[in-house]
Amino acid sequence: MARFCVNCGIDESIGVPIIDNLCLKCYIKLREVVKVSRSIEIHTCGRCGAILIEGRWYYPTNSEEALEIVKKYIASEVRPGEDITIKNIHVDLLPTNYSSAHIRIELLIKNRYNYVFDQDTEIKWIKQLCPTCFRRAGRSFEAVVQIRFVHLDKTIEMFKDTIMKVFQDQIVEVEDIDNGFDLKVVSPGVARKIADVAKRYWNIVRVTESYGDVKRMRDGSRRAKLYISVRVINLGIGDYVVINNKAYTVVEVNDRTVIVVDSSGYRKSIDIENLLSSYQKSKSKHR
């Protein structure tokens, strides 16, 4: 005797299996095959972009890493129903502002029937300060390290990541600008330590100190903030430089010297120490 779905009445066939007296369509409709929230809250720091997941703060270094953290969290919240095996979960965060996510779940029902379950979930972004930024918000800064560079290359990104990890509790604020960034830190000592790290990262770096924002204290004394300028001259082949009022093009960069050529084809080797004292400006031709 042929079986049929007790809910819709359709007969069992090759393309229409009957599962617990229900066709596949009705089984999915009436049984809770997976538990997926229709709405989910994600807390994120409005200052640094850190993400709070189940009581733990994550500090992604870029937007791609942040999105992966959110996707993994949403996927981890999916729960299978009885006699359901989850084979795969794919999460897409939907623009604009990633206010929703499309979740596609590949299921195996009773170890026999394959089914793909789709659902959209609303994402509610909740802004709050992470512990690090909360501490920083109540602190003043006594020094500024001004990092400037010719190219935004991997060494710059590695340096910034290192500084943010090592001195994260001493950095009050980071301000990104064209060809550089400013680090506002709690003390002149921390500022000088950061400058020392920069000297170990690059051969051609110029560090200068100055004072500004002078304030008169209640006792009549004066107090000023320390400004450390760290100029990273990370030249690349093809860069244009002006040395002693003469224009050159960089053709080779070594550990100790830089090889340049002028408009007539004359090649010149410049020692790095001499380059630091005579270097005026640089601009890439391929920008």
C-alpha atoms as a PDB file:
ATOM      1  CA  MET A   1       0.000   0.000   0.000  1.00  0.00           C
ATOM      2  CA  ALA A   2       1.436   3.349  -1.041  1.00  0.00           C
ATOM      3  CA  ARG A   3       2.230   5.774   1.705  1.00  0.00           C
ATOM      4  CA  PHE A   4       1.083   9.383   1.689  1.00  0.00           C
ATOM      5  CA  CYS A   5       1.663  12.607   3.631  1.00  0.00           C
ATOM      6  CA  VAL A   6      -0.859  12.958   6.438  1.00  0.00           C
ATOM      7  CA  ASN A   7      -0.607  16.746   6.233  1.00  0.00           C
ATOM      8  CA  CYS A   8      -0.973  17.545   2.515  1.00  0.00           C
ATOM      9  CA  GLY A   9      -2.071  14.153   1.151  1.00  0.00           C
ATOM     10  CA  ILE A  10       0.618  13.820  -1.525  1.00  0.00           C
ATOM     11  CA  ASP A  11       1.562  10.219  -2.390  1.00  0.00           C
ATOM     12  CA  GLU A  12       5.072   8.916  -1.868  1.00  0.00           C
ATOM     13  CA  SER A  13       7.179   8.673  -5.031  1.00  0.00           C
ATOM     14  CA  ILE A  14      10.832   8.644  -6.087  1.00  0.00           C
ATOM     15  CA  GLY A  15      11.015  12.412  -5.822  1.00  0.00           C
ATOM     16  CA  VAL A  16       8.686  12.687  -2.825  1.00  0.00           C
ATOM     17  CA  PRO A  17       9.916  10.677   0.182  1.00  0.00           C
ATOM     18  CA  ILE A  18       7.707  10.182   3.222  1.00  0.00           C
ATOM     19  CA  ILE A  19       9.424  10.840   6.570  1.00  0.00           C
ATOM     20  CA  ASP A  20       7.452  10.021   9.732  1.00  0.00           C
ATOM     21  CA  ASN A  21       4.199  10.154   7.710  1.00  0.00           C
ATOM     22  CA  LEU A  22       5.102  13.533   6.244  1.00  0.00           C
ATOM     23  CA  CYS A  23       6.491  14.519   2.862  1.00  0.00           C
ATOM     24  CA  LEU A  24       9.838  16.305   2.936  1.00  0.00           C
ATOM     25  CA  LYS A  25       8.239  19.721   2.385  1.00  0.00           C
ATOM     26  CA  CYS A  26       5.753  19.277   5.254  1.00  0.00           C
ATOM     27  CA  TYR A  27       8.417  17.701   7.461  1.00  0.00           C
ATOM     28  CA  ILE A  28      10.571  20.832   7.098  1.00  0.00           C
ATOM     29  CA  LYS A  29       7.544  23.048   7.671  1.00  0.00           C
ATOM     30  CA  LEU A  30       6.146  21.296  10.744  1.00  0.00           C
ATOM     31  CA  ARG A  31       9.304  20.024  12.442  1.00  0.00           C
ATOM     32  CA  GLU A  32      12.072  22.181  13.839  1.00  0.00           C
ATOM     33  CA  VAL A  33      14.919  20.856  11.717  1.00  0.00           C
ATOM     34  CA  VAL A  34      17.270  23.667  12.775  1.00  0.00           C
ATOM     35  CA  LYS A  35      17.168  26.465  15.321  1.00  0.00           C
ATOM     36  CA  VAL A  36      18.221  29.776  13.772  1.00  0.00           C
ATOM     37  CA  SER A  37      17.565  33.119  15.460  1.00  0.00           C
ATOM     38  CA  ARG A  38      15.600  35.626  13.415  1.00  0.00           C
ATOM     39  CA  SER A  39      17.536  38.426  15.077  1.00  0.00           C
ATOM     40  CA  ILE A  40      20.969  38.525  16.681  1.00  0.00           C
ATOM     41  CA  GLU A  41      22.784  41.240  18.657  1.00  0.00           C
ATOM     42  CA  ILE A  42      26.497  41.881  18.192  1.00  0.00           C
ATOM     43  CA  HIS A  43      28.335  44.321  20.450  1.00  0.00           C
ATOM     44  CA  THR A  44      31.169  46.283  18.876  1.00  0.00           C
ATOM     45  CA  CYS A  45      33.464  49.051  20.093  1.00  0.00           C
ATOM     46  CA  GLY A  46      32.758  52.315  18.298  1.00  0.00           C
ATOM     47  CA  ARG A  47      36.352  53.465  18.731  1.00  0.00           C
ATOM     48  CA  CYS A  48      38.602  50.558  17.747  1.00  0.00           C
ATOM     49  CA  GLY A  49      36.159  48.123  16.074  1.00  0.00           C
ATOM     50  CA  ALA A  50      36.623  45.334  18.634  1.00  0.00           C
ATOM     51  CA  ILE A  51      33.830  42.729  18.714  1.00  0.00           C
ATOM     52  CA  LEU A  52      32.297  41.160  21.831  1.00  0.00           C
ATOM     53  CA  ILE A  53      31.458  37.473  21.363  1.00  0.00           C
ATOM     54  CA  GLU A  54      30.067  35.472  24.300  1.00  0.00           C
ATOM     55  CA  GLY A  55      31.856  37.580  26.888  1.00  0.00           C
ATOM     56  CA  ARG A  56      35.181  37.775  25.051  1.00  0.00           C
ATOM     57  CA  TRP A  57      36.500  40.794  23.161  1.00  0.00           C
ATOM     58  CA  TYR A  58      38.146  40.186  19.777  1.00  0.00           C
ATOM     59  CA  TYR A  59      40.406  42.831  18.206  1.00  0.00           C
ATOM     60  CA  PRO A  60      40.474  42.311  14.404  1.00  0.00           C
ATOM     61  CA  THR A  61      43.258  44.023  12.472  1.00  0.00           C
ATOM     62  CA  ASN A  62      41.127  44.701   9.369  1.00  0.00           C
ATOM     63  CA  SER A  63      37.525  44.639   8.130  1.00  0.00           C
ATOM     64  CA  GLU A  64      37.888  41.215   6.479  1.00  0.00           C
ATOM     65  CA  GLU A  65      38.991  39.637   9.748  1.00  0.00           C
ATOM     66  CA  ALA A  66      36.102  41.352  11.576  1.00  0.00           C
ATOM     67  CA  LEU A  67      33.553  39.955   9.119  1.00  0.00           C
ATOM     68  CA  GLU A  68      34.964  36.446   9.511  1.00  0.00           C
ATOM     69  CA  ILE A  69      34.608  36.698  13.300  1.00  0.00           C
ATOM     70  CA  VAL A  70      30.950  37.690  12.919  1.00  0.00           C
ATOM     71  CA  LYS A  71      30.260  34.932  10.370  1.00  0.00           C
ATOM     72  CA  LYS A  72      31.745  32.255  12.611  1.00  0.00           C
ATOM     73  CA  TYR A  73      29.698  33.498  15.539  1.00  0.00           C
ATOM     74  CA  ILE A  74      26.438  33.427  13.559  1.00  0.00           C
ATOM     75  CA  ALA A  75      27.226  29.932  12.279  1.00  0.00           C
ATOM     76  CA  SER A  76      27.990  28.723  15.816  1.00  0.00           C
ATOM     77  CA  GLU A  77      24.503  29.784  16.936  1.00  0.00           C
ATOM     78  CA  VAL A  78      22.783  27.343  14.536  1.00  0.00           C
ATOM     79  CA  ARG A  79      21.437  24.291  16.364  1.00  0.00           C
ATOM     80  CA  PRO A  80      20.258  21.063  14.654  1.00  0.00           C
ATOM     81  CA  GLY A  81      16.916  19.462  15.501  1.00  0.00           C
ATOM     82  CA  GLU A  82      16.279  15.800  16.319  1.00  0.00           C
ATOM     83  CA  ASP A  83      17.731  13.314  13.816  1.00  0.00           C
ATOM     84  CA  ILE A  84      19.336  16.201  11.875  1.00  0.00           C
ATOM     85  CA  THR A  85      22.995  16.410  10.874  1.00  0.00           C
ATOM     86  CA  ILE A  86      24.460  19.730   9.738  1.00  0.00           C
ATOM     87  CA  LYS A  87      26.835  19.094   6.843  1.00  0.00           C
ATOM     88  CA  ASN A  88      27.790  22.677   6.069  1.00  0.00           C
ATOM     89  CA  ILE A  89      26.875  26.259   7.006  1.00  0.00           C
ATOM     90  CA  HIS A  90      27.541  29.259   4.767  1.00  0.00           C
ATOM     91  CA  VAL A  91      26.955  32.799   6.066  1.00  0.00           C
ATOM     92  CA  ASP A  92      26.824  35.913   3.886  1.00  0.00           C
ATOM     93  CA  LEU A  93      26.654  39.348   5.513  1.00  0.00           C
ATOM     94  CA  LEU A  94      24.417  41.551   3.409  1.00  0.00           C
ATOM     95  CA  PRO A  95      25.134  45.225   2.703  1.00  0.00           C
ATOM     96  CA  THR A  96      24.292  47.989   3.392  1.00  0.00           C
ATOM     97  CA  ASN A  97      25.883  48.274   6.851  1.00  0.00           C
ATOM     98  CA  TYR A  98      25.705  44.483   7.253  1.00  0.00           C
ATOM     99  CA  SER A  99      22.337  44.760   8.981  1.00  0.00           C
ATOM    100  CA  SER A 100      21.339  41.226   7.995  1.00  0.00           C
ATOM    101  CA  ALA A 101      22.894  37.863   7.191  1.00  0.00           C
ATOM    102  CA  HIS A 102      21.814  35.158   4.768  1.00  0.00           C
ATOM    103  CA  ILE A 103      22.398  31.691   6.211  1.00  0.00           C
ATOM    104  CA  ARG A 104      22.466  28.592   3.992  1.00  0.00           C
ATOM    105  CA  ILE A 105      22.576  25.274   5.836  1.00  0.00           C
ATOM    106  CA  GLU A 106      23.108  21.887   4.177  1.00  0.00           C
ATOM    107  CA  LEU A 107      21.230  19.237   6.213  1.00  0.00           C
ATOM    108  CA  LEU A 108      21.064  15.476   6.341  1.00  0.00           C
ATOM    109  CA  ILE A 109      17.739  14.245   7.708  1.00  0.00           C
ATOM    110  CA  LYS A 110      17.744  10.864   9.467  1.00  0.00           C
ATOM    111  CA  ASN A 111      21.104  10.085   7.838  1.00  0.00           C
ATOM    112  CA  ARG A 112      19.344   9.681   4.494  1.00  0.00           C
ATOM    113  CA  TYR A 113      17.698  12.769   3.019  1.00  0.00           C
ATOM    114  CA  ASN A 114      19.615  15.867   1.926  1.00  0.00           C
ATOM    115  CA  TYR A 115      18.043  19.287   2.237  1.00  0.00           C
ATOM    116  CA  VAL A 116      19.229  22.898   1.935  1.00  0.00           C
ATOM    117  CA  PHE A 117      17.732  25.318   4.476  1.00  0.00           C
ATOM    118  CA  ASP A 118      17.879  29.109   3.826  1.00  0.00           C
ATOM    119  CA  GLN A 119      17.111  31.926   6.234  1.00  0.00           C
ATOM    120  CA  ASP A 120      17.815  35.635   6.649  1.00  0.00           C
ATOM    121  CA  THR A 121      18.728  36.875  10.121  1.00  0.00           C
ATOM    122  CA  GLU A 122      18.647  40.493  11.262  1.00  0.00           C
ATOM    123  CA  ILE A 123      21.863  41.820  12.831  1.00  0.00           C
ATOM    124  CA  LYS A 124      21.548  44.481  15.519  1.00  0.00           C
ATOM    125  CA  TRP A 125      24.850  46.240  16.094  1.00  0.00           C
ATOM    126  CA  ILE A 126      25.207  47.504  19.668  1.00  0.00           C
ATOM    127  CA  LYS A 127      27.880  50.161  20.253  1.00  0.00           C
ATOM    128  CA  GLN A 128      29.857  50.123  23.486  1.00  0.00           C
ATOM    129  CA  LEU A 129      33.418  50.813  24.531  1.00  0.00           C
ATOM    130  CA  CYS A 130      35.691  47.807  24.898  1.00  0.00           C
ATOM    131  CA  PRO A 131      37.671  47.631  28.179  1.00  0.00           C
ATOM    132  CA  THR A 132      40.827  49.006  26.554  1.00  0.00           C
ATOM    133  CA  CYS A 133      39.068  52.022  25.005  1.00  0.00           C
ATOM    134  CA  PHE A 134      37.083  52.566  28.197  1.00  0.00           C
ATOM    135  CA  ARG A 135      40.342  52.911  30.116  1.00  0.00           C
ATOM    136  CA  ARG A 136      41.775  55.174  27.446  1.00  0.00           C
ATOM    137  CA  ALA A 137      38.696  57.414  27.404  1.00  0.00           C
ATOM    138  CA  GLY A 138      39.406  58.576  30.931  1.00  0.00           C
ATOM    139  CA  ARG A 139      43.102  59.226  30.398  1.00  0.00           C
ATOM    140  CA  SER A 140      45.004  62.175  29.019  1.00  0.00           C
ATOM    141  CA  PHE A 141      48.052  61.966  26.778  1.00  0.00           C
ATOM    142  CA  GLU A 142      51.433  63.543  27.416  1.00  0.00           C
ATOM    143  CA  ALA A 143      53.196  62.795  24.132  1.00  0.00           C
ATOM    144  CA  VAL A 144      52.510  62.292  20.436  1.00  0.00           C
ATOM    145  CA  VAL A 145      54.486  60.063  18.061  1.00  0.00           C
ATOM    146  CA  GLN A 146      54.026  61.204  14.468  1.00  0.00           C
ATOM    147  CA  ILE A 147      54.786  58.338  12.087  1.00  0.00           C
ATOM    148  CA  ARG A 148      55.274  59.362   8.450  1.00  0.00           C
ATOM    149  CA  PHE A 149      56.311  57.164   5.525  1.00  0.00           C
ATOM    150  CA  VAL A 150      56.762  57.170   1.763  1.00  0.00           C
ATOM    151  CA  HIS A 151      54.885  53.907   1.062  1.00  0.00           C
ATOM    152  CA  LEU A 152      52.245  52.006   3.004  1.00  0.00           C
ATOM    153  CA  ASP A 153      53.933  48.616   2.712  1.00  0.00           C
ATOM    154  CA  LYS A 154      53.956  45.417   4.791  1.00  0.00           C
ATOM    155  CA  THR A 155      56.665  46.710   7.124  1.00  0.00           C
ATOM    156  CA  ILE A 156      54.483  49.685   8.074  1.00  0.00           C
ATOM    157  CA  GLU A 157      51.528  47.390   8.801  1.00  0.00           C
ATOM    158  CA  MET A 158      53.735  45.009  10.822  1.00  0.00           C
ATOM    159  CA  PHE A 159      55.163  47.914  12.812  1.00  0.00           C
ATOM    160  CA  LYS A 160      51.698  49.290  13.595  1.00  0.00           C
ATOM    161  CA  ASP A 161      50.405  45.855  14.655  1.00  0.00           C
ATOM    162  CA  THR A 162      53.423  45.378  16.932  1.00  0.00           C
ATOM    163  CA  ILE A 163      53.032  48.796  18.538  1.00  0.00           C
ATOM    164  CA  MET A 164      49.304  48.310  19.128  1.00  0.00           C
ATOM    165  CA  LYS A 165      49.915  44.965  20.832  1.00  0.00           C
ATOM    166  CA  VAL A 166      52.939  45.918  22.938  1.00  0.00           C
ATOM    167  CA  PHE A 167      51.717  49.384  23.999  1.00  0.00           C
ATOM    168  CA  GLN A 168      47.938  48.925  23.792  1.00  0.00           C
ATOM    169  CA  ASP A 169      47.386  50.098  27.381  1.00  0.00           C
ATOM    170  CA  GLN A 170      49.625  53.152  26.907  1.00  0.00           C
ATOM    171  CA  ILE A 171      48.147  54.368  23.607  1.00  0.00           C
ATOM    172  CA  VAL A 172      45.244  56.748  24.224  1.00  0.00           C
ATOM    173  CA  GLU A 173      44.298  57.364  20.585  1.00  0.00           C
ATOM    174  CA  VAL A 174      45.421  56.569  17.038  1.00  0.00           C
ATOM    175  CA  GLU A 175      44.717  59.080  14.286  1.00  0.00           C
ATOM    176  CA  ASP A 176      45.254  57.982  10.673  1.00  0.00           C
ATOM    177  CA  ILE A 177      46.287  60.657   8.175  1.00  0.00           C
ATOM    178  CA  ASP A 178      47.724  60.732   4.646  1.00  0.00           C
ATOM    179  CA  ASN A 179      51.076  58.902   4.545  1.00  0.00           C
ATOM    180  CA  GLY A 180      51.114  58.237   8.249  1.00  0.00           C
ATOM    181  CA  PHE A 181      49.420  58.164  11.619  1.00  0.00           C
ATOM    182  CA  ASP A 182      49.708  59.857  15.007  1.00  0.00           C
ATOM    183  CA  LEU A 183      49.948  57.923  18.267  1.00  0.00           C
ATOM    184  CA  LYS A 184      48.825  59.812  21.377  1.00  0.00           C
ATOM    185  CA  VAL A 185      50.461  58.115  24.352  1.00  0.00           C
ATOM    186  CA  VAL A 186      50.380  58.496  28.128  1.00  0.00           C
ATOM    187  CA  SER A 187      54.000  59.520  28.685  1.00  0.00           C
ATOM    188  CA  PRO A 188      57.184  60.770  26.954  1.00  0.00           C
ATOM    189  CA  GLY A 189      58.921  57.535  27.978  1.00  0.00           C
ATOM    190  CA  VAL A 190      56.442  55.429  26.022  1.00  0.00           C
ATOM    191  CA  ALA A 191      56.818  57.761  23.033  1.00  0.00           C
ATOM    192  CA  ARG A 192      60.590  57.308  23.005  1.00  0.00           C
ATOM    193  CA  LYS A 193      60.243  53.522  23.271  1.00  0.00           C
ATOM    194  CA  ILE A 194      57.987  53.513  20.188  1.00  0.00           C
ATOM    195  CA  ALA A 195      60.553  55.625  18.314  1.00  0.00           C
ATOM    196  CA  ASP A 196      63.251  53.117  19.284  1.00  0.00           C
ATOM    197  CA  VAL A 197      61.133  50.284  17.834  1.00  0.00           C
ATOM    198  CA  ALA A 198      60.879  52.246  14.569  1.00  0.00           C
ATOM    199  CA  LYS A 199      64.663  52.547  14.406  1.00  0.00           C
ATOM    200  CA  ARG A 200      64.944  48.767  14.586  1.00  0.00           C
ATOM    201  CA  TYR A 201      62.396  48.274  11.784  1.00  0.00           C
ATOM    202  CA  TRP A 202      64.006  50.475   9.110  1.00  0.00           C
ATOM    203  CA  ASN A 203      67.491  51.524   8.103  1.00  0.00           C
ATOM    204  CA  ILE A 204      66.449  54.931   6.819  1.00  0.00           C
ATOM    205  CA  VAL A 205      64.495  56.697   9.547  1.00  0.00           C
ATOM    206  CA  ARG A 206      64.788  60.223  10.912  1.00  0.00           C
ATOM    207  CA  VAL A 207      63.671  60.923  14.480  1.00  0.00           C
ATOM    208  CA  THR A 208      63.321  64.452  15.867  1.00  0.00           C
ATOM    209  CA  GLU A 209      61.839  65.746  19.107  1.00  0.00           C
ATOM    210  CA  SER A 210      60.022  68.986  19.882  1.00  0.00           C
ATOM    211  CA  TYR A 211      57.606  70.353  22.462  1.00  0.00           C
ATOM    212  CA  GLY A 212      54.205  71.974  22.052  1.00  0.00           C
ATOM    213  CA  ASP A 213      50.850  72.692  23.703  1.00  0.00           C
ATOM    214  CA  VAL A 214      52.517  74.544  26.549  1.00  0.00           C
ATOM    215  CA  LYS A 215      50.247  75.036  29.577  1.00  0.00           C
ATOM    216  CA  ARG A 216      50.817  76.990  32.738  1.00  0.00           C
ATOM    217  CA  MET A 217      50.128  74.927  35.854  1.00  0.00           C
ATOM    218  CA  ARG A 218      48.562  76.178  39.094  1.00  0.00           C
ATOM    219  CA  ASP A 219      51.938  76.362  40.783  1.00  0.00           C
ATOM    220  CA  GLY A 220      53.180  78.702  38.057  1.00  0.00           C
ATOM    221  CA  SER A 221      55.288  76.130  36.229  1.00  0.00           C
ATOM    222  CA  ARG A 222      54.914  75.315  32.556  1.00  0.00           C
ATOM    223  CA  ARG A 223      54.132  71.921  31.105  1.00  0.00           C
ATOM    224  CA  ALA A 224      54.421  70.894  27.455  1.00  0.00           C
ATOM    225  CA  LYS A 225      53.658  67.786  25.440  1.00  0.00           C
ATOM    226  CA  LEU A 226      56.486  65.930  23.733  1.00  0.00           C
ATOM    227  CA  TYR A 227      56.158  65.500  19.962  1.00  0.00           C
ATOM    228  CA  ILE A 228      58.383  62.893  18.315  1.00  0.00           C
ATOM    229  CA  SER A 229      58.511  62.923  14.531  1.00  0.00           C
ATOM    230  CA  VAL A 230      59.466  59.568  13.027  1.00  0.00           C
ATOM    231  CA  ARG A 231      60.061  59.917   9.288  1.00  0.00           C
ATOM    232  CA  VAL A 232      60.392  56.510   7.629  1.00  0.00           C
ATOM    233  CA  ILE A 233      62.110  56.902   4.271  1.00  0.00           C
ATOM    234  CA  ASN A 234      61.091  53.521   2.873  1.00  0.00           C
ATOM    235  CA  LEU A 235      62.084  54.264  -0.706  1.00  0.00           C
ATOM    236  CA  GLY A 236      61.254  51.938  -3.570  1.00  0.00           C
ATOM    237  CA  ILE A 237      62.587  51.551  -7.100  1.00  0.00           C
ATOM    238  CA  GLY A 238      61.145  54.279  -9.322  1.00  0.00           C
ATOM    239  CA  ASP A 239      60.680  56.818  -6.531  1.00  0.00           C
ATOM    240  CA  TYR A 240      61.570  60.423  -7.202  1.00  0.00           C
ATOM    241  CA  VAL A 241      63.850  62.166  -4.682  1.00  0.00           C
ATOM    242  CA  VAL A 242      65.440  65.589  -4.384  1.00  0.00           C
ATOM    243  CA  ILE A 243      68.905  65.604  -2.824  1.00  0.00           C
ATOM    244  CA  ASN A 244      70.806  68.871  -2.414  1.00  0.00           C
ATOM    245  CA  ASN A 245      68.330  70.570  -4.781  1.00  0.00           C
ATOM    246  CA  LYS A 246      68.920  68.021  -7.549  1.00  0.00           C
ATOM    247  CA  ALA A 247      66.327  65.494  -8.762  1.00  0.00           C
ATOM    248  CA  TYR A 248      67.070  61.776  -8.914  1.00  0.00           C
ATOM    249  CA  THR A 249      65.196  58.525  -9.533  1.00  0.00           C
ATOM    250  CA  VAL A 250      65.797  55.559  -7.241  1.00  0.00           C
ATOM    251  CA  VAL A 251      67.002  52.492  -9.161  1.00  0.00           C
ATOM    252  CA  GLU A 252      68.291  50.284  -6.333  1.00  0.00           C
ATOM    253  CA  VAL A 253      67.922  50.104  -2.546  1.00  0.00           C
ATOM    254  CA  ASN A 254      70.406  48.136  -0.403  1.00  0.00           C
ATOM    255  CA  ASP A 255      70.953  47.785   3.330  1.00  0.00           C
ATOM    256  CA  ARG A 256      73.627  50.479   3.418  1.00  0.00           C
ATOM    257  CA  THR A 257      73.244  52.463   0.205  1.00  0.00           C
ATOM    258  CA  VAL A 258      70.674  53.794  -2.235  1.00  0.00           C
ATOM    259  CA  ILE A 259      71.494  53.953  -5.945  1.00  0.00           C
ATOM    260  CA  VAL A 260      69.934  56.880  -7.825  1.00  0.00           C
ATOM    261  CA  VAL A 261      70.141  58.207 -11.370  1.00  0.00           C
ATOM    262  CA  ASP A 262      69.611  61.755 -12.668  1.00  0.00           C
ATOM    263  CA  SER A 263      67.914  62.872 -15.897  1.00  0.00           C
ATOM    264  CA  SER A 264      71.158  62.508 -17.875  1.00  0.00           C
ATOM    265  CA  GLY A 265      71.636  58.899 -16.796  1.00  0.00           C
ATOM    266  CA  TYR A 266      74.378  59.602 -14.260  1.00  0.00           C
ATOM    267  CA  ARG A 267      74.291  57.002 -11.474  1.00  0.00           C
ATOM    268  CA  LYS A 268      75.126  57.881  -7.915  1.00  0.00           C
ATOM    269  CA  SER A 269      75.507  55.765  -4.788  1.00  0.00           C
ATOM    270  CA  ILE A 270      74.442  57.448  -1.557  1.00  0.00           C
ATOM    271  CA  ASP A 271      75.263  56.149   1.890  1.00  0.00           C
ATOM    272  CA  ILE A 272      72.170  55.813   4.060  1.00  0.00           C
ATOM    273  CA  GLU A 273      73.597  58.097   6.764  1.00  0.00           C
ATOM    274  CA  ASN A 274      74.282  60.794   4.178  1.00  0.00           C
ATOM    275  CA  LEU A 275      70.840  60.301   2.682  1.00  0.00           C
ATOM    276  CA  LEU A 276      69.215  61.017   6.038  1.00  0.00           C
ATOM    277  CA  SER A 277      71.018  64.336   6.341  1.00  0.00           C
ATOM    278  CA  SER A 278      70.478  65.487   2.750  1.00  0.00           C
ATOM    279  CA  TYR A 279      67.071  63.951   1.975  1.00  0.00           C
ATOM    280  CA  GLN A 280      64.428  66.612   1.342  1.00  0.00           C
ATOM    281  CA  LYS A 281      61.397  64.885  -0.104  1.00  0.00           C
ATOM    282  CA  SER A 282      60.296  61.845  -2.051  1.00  0.00           C
ATOM    283  CA  LYS A 283      57.336  61.046  -4.262  1.00  0.00           C
ATOM    284  CA  SER A 284      56.541  57.840  -6.117  1.00  0.00           C
ATOM    285  CA  LYS A 285      56.190  58.100  -9.875  1.00  0.00           C
ATOM    286  CA  HIS A 286      53.625  55.308 -10.008  1.00  0.00           C
ATOM    287  CA  ARG A 287      51.046  56.901  -7.708  1.00  0.00           C
END
